Amino acid sequence: MDEIKKLLGKDNLIIGMERTVKAIKSGELKKVFLASNASESLKKDVDYYSKLSGFEVVNLKINNEDLGVLCKKPFSVQVLGVK
């Protein structure tokens, strides 16, 4: 949680499923944070690509609504990526 707070507002944090998945496929990420209730298809995709690319996957204990609040967004957030 503290790590996410430190990353907020920096260029190396990617918020949202579409942008994060695109960055995963291009091999740009070092770490991915997943909300506790992220969709199963998203979890499978992230696990698959983490095995190929070697980035770290962090499964958070907070749900997507709380992650959205933590990121100061007016919507829920399933996934965050760190470049």
PDB file of N, CA and C in Angstrom:
ATOM      1  N   MET A   1       0.824  -1.190   0.000  1.00  0.00           N
ATOM      2  CA  MET A   1       0.000   0.000   0.000  1.00  0.00           C
ATOM      3  C   MET A   1       0.867   1.253   0.000  1.00  0.00           C
ATOM      4  N   ASP A   2       1.888   1.256   0.847  1.00  0.00           N
ATOM      5  CA  ASP A   2       2.777   2.418   0.905  1.00  0.00           C
ATOM      6  C   ASP A   2       3.510   2.602  -0.417  1.00  0.00           C
ATOM      7  N   GLU A   3       3.886   1.487  -1.033  1.00  0.00           N
ATOM      8  CA  GLU A   3       4.586   1.559  -2.316  1.00  0.00           C
ATOM      9  C   GLU A   3       3.693   2.202  -3.385  1.00  0.00           C
ATOM     10  N   ILE A   4       2.417   1.854  -3.380  1.00  0.00           N
ATOM     11  CA  ILE A   4       1.477   2.433  -4.344  1.00  0.00           C
ATOM     12  C   ILE A   4       1.330   3.930  -4.092  1.00  0.00           C
ATOM     13  N   LYS A   5       1.230   4.318  -2.840  1.00  0.00           N
ATOM     14  CA  LYS A   5       1.096   5.740  -2.498  1.00  0.00           C
ATOM     15  C   LYS A   5       2.300   6.528  -2.987  1.00  0.00           C
ATOM     16  N   LYS A   6       3.488   5.948  -2.875  1.00  0.00           N
ATOM     17  CA  LYS A   6       4.709   6.625  -3.337  1.00  0.00           C
ATOM     18  C   LYS A   6       4.729   6.770  -4.858  1.00  0.00           C
ATOM     19  N   LEU A   7       4.142   5.805  -5.559  1.00  0.00           N
ATOM     20  CA  LEU A   7       4.153   5.808  -7.025  1.00  0.00           C
ATOM     21  C   LEU A   7       3.098   6.716  -7.638  1.00  0.00           C
ATOM     22  N   LEU A   8       2.075   7.075  -6.866  1.00  0.00           N
ATOM     23  CA  LEU A   8       0.999   7.915  -7.404  1.00  0.00           C
ATOM     24  C   LEU A   8       1.543   9.231  -7.943  1.00  0.00           C
ATOM     25  N   GLY A   9       1.082   9.610  -9.110  1.00  0.00           N
ATOM     26  CA  GLY A   9       1.495  10.869  -9.718  1.00  0.00           C
ATOM     27  C   GLY A   9       2.790  10.788 -10.499  1.00  0.00           C
ATOM     28  N   LYS A  10       3.412   9.628 -10.511  1.00  0.00           N
ATOM     29  CA  LYS A  10       4.654   9.466 -11.277  1.00  0.00           C
ATOM     30  C   LYS A  10       4.341   8.841 -12.631  1.00  0.00           C
ATOM     31  N   ASP A  11       5.229   9.082 -13.573  1.00  0.00           N
ATOM     32  CA  ASP A  11       5.023   8.605 -14.942  1.00  0.00           C
ATOM     33  C   ASP A  11       5.154   7.096 -15.087  1.00  0.00           C
ATOM     34  N   ASN A  12       5.784   6.439 -14.118  1.00  0.00           N
ATOM     35  CA  ASN A  12       6.014   5.009 -14.270  1.00  0.00           C
ATOM     36  C   ASN A  12       4.877   4.152 -13.715  1.00  0.00           C
ATOM     37  N   LEU A  13       3.762   4.755 -13.259  1.00  0.00           N
ATOM     38  CA  LEU A  13       2.604   4.010 -12.773  1.00  0.00           C
ATOM     39  C   LEU A  13       1.513   4.023 -13.841  1.00  0.00           C
ATOM     40  N   ILE A  14       1.029   2.833 -14.190  1.00  0.00           N
ATOM     41  CA  ILE A  14      -0.026   2.693 -15.180  1.00  0.00           C
ATOM     42  C   ILE A  14      -1.274   2.204 -14.456  1.00  0.00           C
ATOM     43  N   ILE A  15      -2.377   2.930 -14.638  1.00  0.00           N
ATOM     44  CA  ILE A  15      -3.628   2.586 -13.988  1.00  0.00           C
ATOM     45  C   ILE A  15      -4.621   2.095 -15.029  1.00  0.00           C
ATOM     46  N   GLY A  16      -5.240   0.947 -14.750  1.00  0.00           N
ATOM     47  CA  GLY A  16      -6.290   0.441 -15.628  1.00  0.00           C
ATOM     48  C   GLY A  16      -5.895  -0.798 -16.401  1.00  0.00           C
ATOM     49  N   MET A  17      -6.897  -1.595 -16.699  1.00  0.00           N
ATOM     50  CA  MET A  17      -6.668  -2.890 -17.323  1.00  0.00           C
ATOM     51  C   MET A  17      -6.121  -2.778 -18.742  1.00  0.00           C
ATOM     52  N   GLU A  18      -6.742  -1.981 -19.593  1.00  0.00           N
ATOM     53  CA  GLU A  18      -6.321  -1.924 -20.994  1.00  0.00           C
ATOM     54  C   GLU A  18      -4.888  -1.433 -21.141  1.00  0.00           C
ATOM     55  N   ARG A  19      -4.555  -0.341 -20.456  1.00  0.00           N
ATOM     56  CA  ARG A  19      -3.199   0.214 -20.565  1.00  0.00           C
ATOM     57  C   ARG A  19      -2.164  -0.731 -19.953  1.00  0.00           C
ATOM     58  N   THR A  20      -2.522  -1.373 -18.841  1.00  0.00           N
ATOM     59  CA  THR A  20      -1.580  -2.284 -18.180  1.00  0.00           C
ATOM     60  C   THR A  20      -1.339  -3.524 -19.029  1.00  0.00           C
ATOM     61  N   VAL A  21      -2.396  -4.104 -19.577  1.00  0.00           N
ATOM     62  CA  VAL A  21      -2.243  -5.299 -20.418  1.00  0.00           C
ATOM     63  C   VAL A  21      -1.406  -4.978 -21.657  1.00  0.00           C
ATOM     64  N   LYS A  22      -1.608  -3.813 -22.236  1.00  0.00           N
ATOM     65  CA  LYS A  22      -0.809  -3.390 -23.398  1.00  0.00           C
ATOM     66  C   LYS A  22       0.670  -3.285 -23.013  1.00  0.00           C
ATOM     67  N   ALA A  23       0.945  -2.704 -21.846  1.00  0.00           N
ATOM     68  CA  ALA A  23       2.335  -2.579 -21.383  1.00  0.00           C
ATOM     69  C   ALA A  23       2.937  -3.941 -21.040  1.00  0.00           C
ATOM     70  N   ILE A  24       2.115  -4.851 -20.519  1.00  0.00           N
ATOM     71  CA  ILE A  24       2.588  -6.210 -20.218  1.00  0.00           C
ATOM     72  C   ILE A  24       3.021  -6.891 -21.510  1.00  0.00           C
ATOM     73  N   LYS A  25       2.180  -6.804 -22.527  1.00  0.00           N
ATOM     74  CA  LYS A  25       2.473  -7.480 -23.797  1.00  0.00           C
ATOM     75  C   LYS A  25       3.696  -6.909 -24.492  1.00  0.00           C
ATOM     76  N   SER A  26       3.994  -5.641 -24.255  1.00  0.00           N
ATOM     77  CA  SER A  26       5.180  -5.043 -24.866  1.00  0.00           C
ATOM     78  C   SER A  26       6.418  -5.189 -23.986  1.00  0.00           C
ATOM     79  N   GLY A  27       6.264  -5.815 -22.814  1.00  0.00           N
ATOM     80  CA  GLY A  27       7.407  -6.100 -21.951  1.00  0.00           C
ATOM     81  C   GLY A  27       7.949  -4.907 -21.186  1.00  0.00           C
ATOM     82  N   GLU A  28       7.119  -3.899 -20.936  1.00  0.00           N
ATOM     83  CA  GLU A  28       7.571  -2.673 -20.281  1.00  0.00           C
ATOM     84  C   GLU A  28       7.527  -2.710 -18.751  1.00  0.00           C
ATOM     85  N   LEU A  29       6.860  -3.688 -18.166  1.00  0.00           N
ATOM     86  CA  LEU A  29       6.584  -3.629 -16.731  1.00  0.00           C
ATOM     87  C   LEU A  29       7.566  -4.413 -15.874  1.00  0.00           C
ATOM     88  N   LYS A  30       7.777  -3.889 -14.652  1.00  0.00           N
ATOM     89  CA  LYS A  30       8.591  -4.566 -13.644  1.00  0.00           C
ATOM     90  C   LYS A  30       7.717  -5.237 -12.593  1.00  0.00           C
ATOM     91  N   LYS A  31       6.517  -4.653 -12.375  1.00  0.00           N
ATOM     92  CA  LYS A  31       5.647  -5.144 -11.317  1.00  0.00           C
ATOM     93  C   LYS A  31       4.197  -4.838 -11.669  1.00  0.00           C
ATOM     94  N   VAL A  32       3.290  -5.738 -11.241  1.00  0.00           N
ATOM     95  CA  VAL A  32       1.858  -5.551 -11.442  1.00  0.00           C
ATOM     96  C   VAL A  32       1.154  -5.784 -10.105  1.00  0.00           C
ATOM     97  N   PHE A  33       0.244  -4.880  -9.760  1.00  0.00           N
ATOM     98  CA  PHE A  33      -0.585  -5.015  -8.568  1.00  0.00           C
ATOM     99  C   PHE A  33      -1.991  -5.381  -9.006  1.00  0.00           C
ATOM    100  N   LEU A  34      -2.554  -6.448  -8.413  1.00  0.00           N
ATOM    101  CA  LEU A  34      -3.908  -6.887  -8.745  1.00  0.00           C
ATOM    102  C   LEU A  34      -4.819  -6.722  -7.538  1.00  0.00           C
ATOM    103  N   ALA A  35      -6.006  -6.169  -7.745  1.00  0.00           N
ATOM    104  CA  ALA A  35      -7.005  -6.069  -6.683  1.00  0.00           C
ATOM    105  C   ALA A  35      -7.479  -7.475  -6.323  1.00  0.00           C
ATOM    106  N   SER A  36      -7.959  -7.632  -5.099  1.00  0.00           N
ATOM    107  CA  SER A  36      -8.372  -8.960  -4.628  1.00  0.00           C
ATOM    108  C   SER A  36      -9.527  -9.539  -5.438  1.00  0.00           C
ATOM    109  N   ASN A  37     -10.367  -8.689  -6.014  1.00  0.00           N
ATOM    110  CA  ASN A  37     -11.495  -9.180  -6.797  1.00  0.00           C
ATOM    111  C   ASN A  37     -11.337  -8.910  -8.294  1.00  0.00           C
ATOM    112  N   ALA A  38     -10.103  -8.877  -8.756  1.00  0.00           N
ATOM    113  CA  ALA A  38      -9.856  -8.723 -10.197  1.00  0.00           C
ATOM    114  C   ALA A  38     -10.438  -9.927 -10.926  1.00  0.00           C
ATOM    115  N   SER A  39     -10.846  -9.722 -12.164  1.00  0.00           N
ATOM    116  CA  SER A  39     -11.475 -10.803 -12.927  1.00  0.00           C
ATOM    117  C   SER A  39     -10.501 -11.971 -13.128  1.00  0.00           C
ATOM    118  N   GLU A  40     -11.071 -13.170 -13.192  1.00  0.00           N
ATOM    119  CA  GLU A  40     -10.248 -14.370 -13.355  1.00  0.00           C
ATOM    120  C   GLU A  40      -9.472 -14.341 -14.669  1.00  0.00           C
ATOM    121  N   SER A  41     -10.085 -13.825 -15.727  1.00  0.00           N
ATOM    122  CA  SER A  41      -9.386 -13.780 -17.015  1.00  0.00           C
ATOM    123  C   SER A  41      -8.181 -12.845 -16.942  1.00  0.00           C
ATOM    124  N   LEU A  42      -8.321 -11.735 -16.221  1.00  0.00           N
ATOM    125  CA  LEU A  42      -7.200 -10.815 -16.049  1.00  0.00           C
ATOM    126  C   LEU A  42      -6.093 -11.477 -15.236  1.00  0.00           C
ATOM    127  N   LYS A  43      -6.447 -12.161 -14.168  1.00  0.00           N
ATOM    128  CA  LYS A  43      -5.449 -12.852 -13.338  1.00  0.00           C
ATOM    129  C   LYS A  43      -4.682 -13.891 -14.154  1.00  0.00           C
ATOM    130  N   LYS A  44      -5.404 -14.656 -14.977  1.00  0.00           N
ATOM    131  CA  LYS A  44      -4.763 -15.676 -15.815  1.00  0.00           C
ATOM    132  C   LYS A  44      -3.798 -15.043 -16.809  1.00  0.00           C
ATOM    133  N   ASP A  45      -4.239 -13.952 -17.455  1.00  0.00           N
ATOM    134  CA  ASP A  45      -3.372 -13.263 -18.414  1.00  0.00           C
ATOM    135  C   ASP A  45      -2.111 -12.736 -17.737  1.00  0.00           C
ATOM    136  N   VAL A  46      -2.280 -12.109 -16.585  1.00  0.00           N
ATOM    137  CA  VAL A  46      -1.135 -11.542 -15.863  1.00  0.00           C
ATOM    138  C   VAL A  46      -0.179 -12.650 -15.433  1.00  0.00           C
ATOM    139  N   ASP A  47      -0.706 -13.760 -14.911  1.00  0.00           N
ATOM    140  CA  ASP A  47       0.156 -14.875 -14.503  1.00  0.00           C
ATOM    141  C   ASP A  47       0.918 -15.452 -15.692  1.00  0.00           C
ATOM    142  N   TYR A  48       0.230 -15.606 -16.817  1.00  0.00           N
ATOM    143  CA  TYR A  48       0.863 -16.142 -18.021  1.00  0.00           C
ATOM    144  C   TYR A  48       2.024 -15.249 -18.472  1.00  0.00           C
ATOM    145  N   TYR A  49       1.761 -13.958 -18.583  1.00  0.00           N
ATOM    146  CA  TYR A  49       2.802 -13.043 -19.057  1.00  0.00           C
ATOM    147  C   TYR A  49       3.908 -12.838 -18.035  1.00  0.00           C
ATOM    148  N   SER A  50       3.604 -12.984 -16.754  1.00  0.00           N
ATOM    149  CA  SER A  50       4.661 -12.839 -15.744  1.00  0.00           C
ATOM    150  C   SER A  50       5.664 -13.983 -15.858  1.00  0.00           C
ATOM    151  N   LYS A  51       5.186 -15.161 -16.229  1.00  0.00           N
ATOM    152  CA  LYS A  51       6.090 -16.298 -16.418  1.00  0.00           C
ATOM    153  C   LYS A  51       6.987 -16.080 -17.631  1.00  0.00           C
ATOM    154  N   LEU A  52       6.446 -15.426 -18.660  1.00  0.00           N
ATOM    155  CA  LEU A  52       7.238 -15.162 -19.862  1.00  0.00           C
ATOM    156  C   LEU A  52       8.223 -14.012 -19.666  1.00  0.00           C
ATOM    157  N   SER A  53       7.750 -12.931 -19.041  1.00  0.00           N
ATOM    158  CA  SER A  53       8.555 -11.711 -18.934  1.00  0.00           C
ATOM    159  C   SER A  53       9.321 -11.584 -17.626  1.00  0.00           C
ATOM    160  N   GLY A  54       8.871 -12.275 -16.604  1.00  0.00           N
ATOM    161  CA  GLY A  54       9.590 -12.251 -15.334  1.00  0.00           C
ATOM    162  C   GLY A  54       9.278 -11.076 -14.422  1.00  0.00           C
ATOM    163  N   PHE A  55       8.172 -10.367 -14.656  1.00  0.00           N
ATOM    164  CA  PHE A  55       7.833  -9.277 -13.743  1.00  0.00           C
ATOM    165  C   PHE A  55       7.125  -9.833 -12.499  1.00  0.00           C
ATOM    166  N   GLU A  56       7.164  -9.060 -11.433  1.00  0.00           N
ATOM    167  CA  GLU A  56       6.572  -9.469 -10.164  1.00  0.00           C
ATOM    168  C   GLU A  56       5.071  -9.174 -10.158  1.00  0.00           C
ATOM    169  N   VAL A  57       4.289 -10.107  -9.609  1.00  0.00           N
ATOM    170  CA  VAL A  57       2.847  -9.916  -9.462  1.00  0.00           C
ATOM    171  C   VAL A  57       2.529  -9.843  -7.974  1.00  0.00           C
ATOM    172  N   VAL A  58       1.858  -8.759  -7.578  1.00  0.00           N
ATOM    173  CA  VAL A  58       1.473  -8.573  -6.185  1.00  0.00           C
ATOM    174  C   VAL A  58      -0.047  -8.636  -6.096  1.00  0.00           C
ATOM    175  N   ASN A  59      -0.545  -9.637  -5.376  1.00  0.00           N
ATOM    176  CA  ASN A  59      -1.982  -9.767  -5.166  1.00  0.00           C
ATOM    177  C   ASN A  59      -2.341  -8.989  -3.903  1.00  0.00           C
ATOM    178  N   LEU A  60      -3.082  -7.916  -4.087  1.00  0.00           N
ATOM    179  CA  LEU A  60      -3.441  -7.049  -2.972  1.00  0.00           C
ATOM    180  C   LEU A  60      -4.597  -7.636  -2.163  1.00  0.00           C
ATOM    181  N   LYS A  61      -4.705  -7.198  -0.925  1.00  0.00           N
ATOM    182  CA  LYS A  61      -5.790  -7.660  -0.063  1.00  0.00           C
ATOM    183  C   LYS A  61      -6.974  -6.702  -0.091  1.00  0.00           C
ATOM    184  N   ILE A  62      -6.911  -5.694  -0.942  1.00  0.00           N
ATOM    185  CA  ILE A  62      -8.019  -4.750  -1.058  1.00  0.00           C
ATOM    186  C   ILE A  62      -8.742  -4.966  -2.381  1.00  0.00           C
ATOM    187  N   ASN A  63     -10.034  -4.635  -2.406  1.00  0.00           N
ATOM    188  CA  ASN A  63     -10.804  -4.844  -3.627  1.00  0.00           C
ATOM    189  C   ASN A  63     -10.612  -3.682  -4.597  1.00  0.00           C
ATOM    190  N   ASN A  64     -11.234  -3.798  -5.769  1.00  0.00           N
ATOM    191  CA  ASN A  64     -11.017  -2.798  -6.819  1.00  0.00           C
ATOM    192  C   ASN A  64     -11.585  -1.423  -6.461  1.00  0.00           C
ATOM    193  N   GLU A  65     -12.646  -1.377  -5.681  1.00  0.00           N
ATOM    194  CA  GLU A  65     -13.199  -0.078  -5.275  1.00  0.00           C
ATOM    195  C   GLU A  65     -12.231   0.645  -4.335  1.00  0.00           C
ATOM    196  N   ASP A  66     -11.668  -0.102  -3.364  1.00  0.00           N
ATOM    197  CA  ASP A  66     -10.712   0.495  -2.435  1.00  0.00           C
ATOM    198  C   ASP A  66      -9.423   0.899  -3.147  1.00  0.00           C
ATOM    199  N   LEU A  67      -9.033   0.128  -4.146  1.00  0.00           N
ATOM    200  CA  LEU A  67      -7.838   0.474  -4.919  1.00  0.00           C
ATOM    201  C   LEU A  67      -8.073   1.758  -5.706  1.00  0.00           C
ATOM    202  N   GLY A  68      -9.272   1.925  -6.239  1.00  0.00           N
ATOM    203  CA  GLY A  68      -9.622   3.172  -6.922  1.00  0.00           C
ATOM    204  C   GLY A  68      -9.550   4.362  -5.987  1.00  0.00           C
ATOM    205  N   VAL A  69     -10.044   4.206  -4.756  1.00  0.00           N
ATOM    206  CA  VAL A  69      -9.987   5.274  -3.754  1.00  0.00           C
ATOM    207  C   VAL A  69      -8.533   5.571  -3.395  1.00  0.00           C
ATOM    208  N   LEU A  70      -7.728   4.526  -3.212  1.00  0.00           N
ATOM    209  CA  LEU A  70      -6.310   4.697  -2.891  1.00  0.00           C
ATOM    210  C   LEU A  70      -5.595   5.483  -3.987  1.00  0.00           C
ATOM    211  N   CYS A  71      -5.978   5.238  -5.238  1.00  0.00           N
ATOM    212  CA  CYS A  71      -5.370   5.927  -6.386  1.00  0.00           C
ATOM    213  C   CYS A  71      -6.024   7.281  -6.664  1.00  0.00           C
ATOM    214  N   LYS A  72      -6.976   7.665  -5.811  1.00  0.00           N
ATOM    215  CA  LYS A  72      -7.687   8.945  -5.932  1.00  0.00           C
ATOM    216  C   LYS A  72      -8.435   9.058  -7.259  1.00  0.00           C
ATOM    217  N   LYS A  73      -9.067   7.952  -7.641  1.00  0.00           N
ATOM    218  CA  LYS A  73      -9.848   7.910  -8.867  1.00  0.00           C
ATOM    219  C   LYS A  73     -11.327   7.750  -8.529  1.00  0.00           C
ATOM    220  N   PRO A  74     -12.223   8.333  -9.330  1.00  0.00           N
ATOM    221  CA  PRO A  74     -13.657   8.213  -9.071  1.00  0.00           C
ATOM    222  C   PRO A  74     -14.256   6.916  -9.633  1.00  0.00           C
ATOM    223  N   PHE A  75     -13.425   5.923  -9.865  1.00  0.00           N
ATOM    224  CA  PHE A  75     -13.872   4.642 -10.408  1.00  0.00           C
ATOM    225  C   PHE A  75     -13.023   3.536  -9.791  1.00  0.00           C
ATOM    226  N   SER A  76     -13.493   2.299  -9.935  1.00  0.00           N
ATOM    227  CA  SER A  76     -12.745   1.169  -9.385  1.00  0.00           C
ATOM    228  C   SER A  76     -11.565   0.836 -10.303  1.00  0.00           C
ATOM    229  N   VAL A  77     -10.506   0.284  -9.704  1.00  0.00           N
ATOM    230  CA  VAL A  77      -9.277  -0.041 -10.432  1.00  0.00           C
ATOM    231  C   VAL A  77      -8.919  -1.497 -10.124  1.00  0.00           C
ATOM    232  N   GLN A  78      -8.845  -2.329 -11.141  1.00  0.00           N
ATOM    233  CA  GLN A  78      -8.503  -3.742 -10.956  1.00  0.00           C
ATOM    234  C   GLN A  78      -7.000  -4.001 -10.910  1.00  0.00           C
ATOM    235  N   VAL A  79      -6.259  -3.197 -11.665  1.00  0.00           N
ATOM    236  CA  VAL A  79      -4.847  -3.513 -11.851  1.00  0.00           C
ATOM    237  C   VAL A  79      -4.018  -2.247 -12.012  1.00  0.00           C
ATOM    238  N   LEU A  80      -2.808  -2.313 -11.492  1.00  0.00           N
ATOM    239  CA  LEU A  80      -1.811  -1.242 -11.646  1.00  0.00           C
ATOM    240  C   LEU A  80      -0.534  -1.871 -12.185  1.00  0.00           C
ATOM    241  N   GLY A  81       0.141  -1.154 -13.051  1.00  0.00           N
ATOM    242  CA  GLY A  81       1.426  -1.607 -13.563  1.00  0.00           C
ATOM    243  C   GLY A  81       2.515  -0.617 -13.237  1.00  0.00           C
ATOM    244  N   VAL A  82       3.721  -1.126 -12.975  1.00  0.00           N
ATOM    245  CA  VAL A  82       4.871  -0.269 -12.678  1.00  0.00           C
ATOM    246  C   VAL A  82       5.944  -0.529 -13.708  1.00  0.00           C
ATOM    247  N   LYS A  83       6.361   0.548 -14.386  1.00  0.00           N
ATOM    248  CA  LYS A  83       7.415   0.453 -15.402  1.00  0.00           C
ATOM    249  C   LYS A  83       8.769   0.373 -14.738  1.00  0.00           C
TER     250      LYS A  83
END
